[in-house]
Amino acid sequence: MTGPAASPDFFSSRYSALPVQIFTYAGRPQADFRVLAAAGVILMLAVVLLMNSVAIWLRSRYEDRT
């Protein structure tokens, strides 16, 4: 597979962002790719929720308490 949705071999190879992979996989007719797209969505959601939780924790830890 070549193009913007190619899978990476190492740091010097071409790679794509996770949202592009999800979009590409969701458009394929095979059921396995739809499962991969769903797993990618769950992974992205978990990362965003984790980052948001860390940001809230940091904000509450370092805000002025006057």
Protein backbone atom coordinates (compact mmCIF):
# COMPACT_ATOMS: atom_id res chain seq x y z
CA MET A 1 0.00 0.00 0.00
CA THR A 2 1.40 3.38 -0.93
CA GLY A 3 0.17 6.92 -0.59
CA PRO A 4 -0.87 8.93 2.45
CA ALA A 5 -2.23 5.90 4.33
CA ALA A 6 0.86 3.69 4.06
CA SER A 7 1.87 1.77 7.15
CA PRO A 8 5.22 2.77 8.65
CA ASP A 9 8.26 0.50 8.54
CA PHE A 10 10.56 2.76 10.54
CA PHE A 11 11.09 6.47 11.19
CA SER A 12 12.41 7.12 7.68
CA SER A 13 9.37 5.63 5.93
CA ARG A 14 6.14 7.40 5.05
CA TYR A 15 3.36 7.28 7.61
CA SER A 16 -0.03 8.80 8.18
CA ALA A 17 -1.95 10.30 11.07
CA LEU A 18 -4.47 8.16 12.92
CA PRO A 19 -7.55 10.12 11.69
CA VAL A 20 -6.46 9.51 8.08
CA GLN A 21 -6.02 5.79 8.80
CA ILE A 22 -9.48 5.64 10.40
CA PHE A 23 -11.04 7.39 7.41
CA THR A 24 -9.26 5.06 4.98
CA TYR A 25 -10.15 1.91 6.90
CA ALA A 26 -13.81 2.93 7.34
CA GLY A 27 -14.21 3.29 3.58
CA ARG A 28 -13.00 -0.21 2.76
CA PRO A 29 -15.57 -2.95 2.13
CA GLN A 30 -13.90 -5.66 4.25
CA ALA A 31 -15.25 -6.15 7.77
CA ASP A 32 -11.77 -6.41 9.28
CA PHE A 33 -10.98 -2.85 8.29
CA ARG A 34 -14.14 -1.58 9.94
CA VAL A 35 -13.09 -3.28 13.16
CA LEU A 36 -9.69 -1.59 12.89
CA ALA A 37 -11.39 1.76 12.29
CA ALA A 38 -13.56 1.28 15.38
CA ALA A 39 -10.50 0.37 17.44
CA GLY A 40 -8.73 3.49 16.18
CA VAL A 41 -11.67 5.67 17.21
CA ILE A 42 -11.66 4.14 20.69
CA LEU A 43 -7.90 4.66 20.95
CA MET A 44 -8.15 8.31 19.89
CA LEU A 45 -11.00 8.91 22.35
CA ALA A 46 -8.98 7.36 25.19
CA VAL A 47 -5.94 9.52 24.36
CA VAL A 48 -8.03 12.70 24.26
CA LEU A 49 -9.75 11.87 27.55
CA LEU A 50 -6.40 11.10 29.18
CA MET A 51 -4.87 14.36 27.94
CA ASN A 52 -7.93 16.29 29.15
CA SER A 53 -7.74 14.64 32.57
CA VAL A 54 -4.06 15.51 32.92
CA ALA A 55 -4.77 19.11 31.90
CA ILE A 56 -7.56 19.41 34.49
CA TRP A 57 -5.31 17.91 37.17
CA LEU A 58 -2.47 20.29 36.30
CA ARG A 59 -4.81 23.27 36.30
CA SER A 60 -6.25 22.42 39.70
CA ARG A 61 -2.78 21.79 41.12
CA TYR A 62 -1.18 25.03 39.96
CA GLU A 63 -4.02 27.56 40.02
CA ASP A 64 -3.90 30.48 42.45
CA ARG A 65 -5.78 29.80 45.63
CA THR A 66 -6.49 33.30 46.88
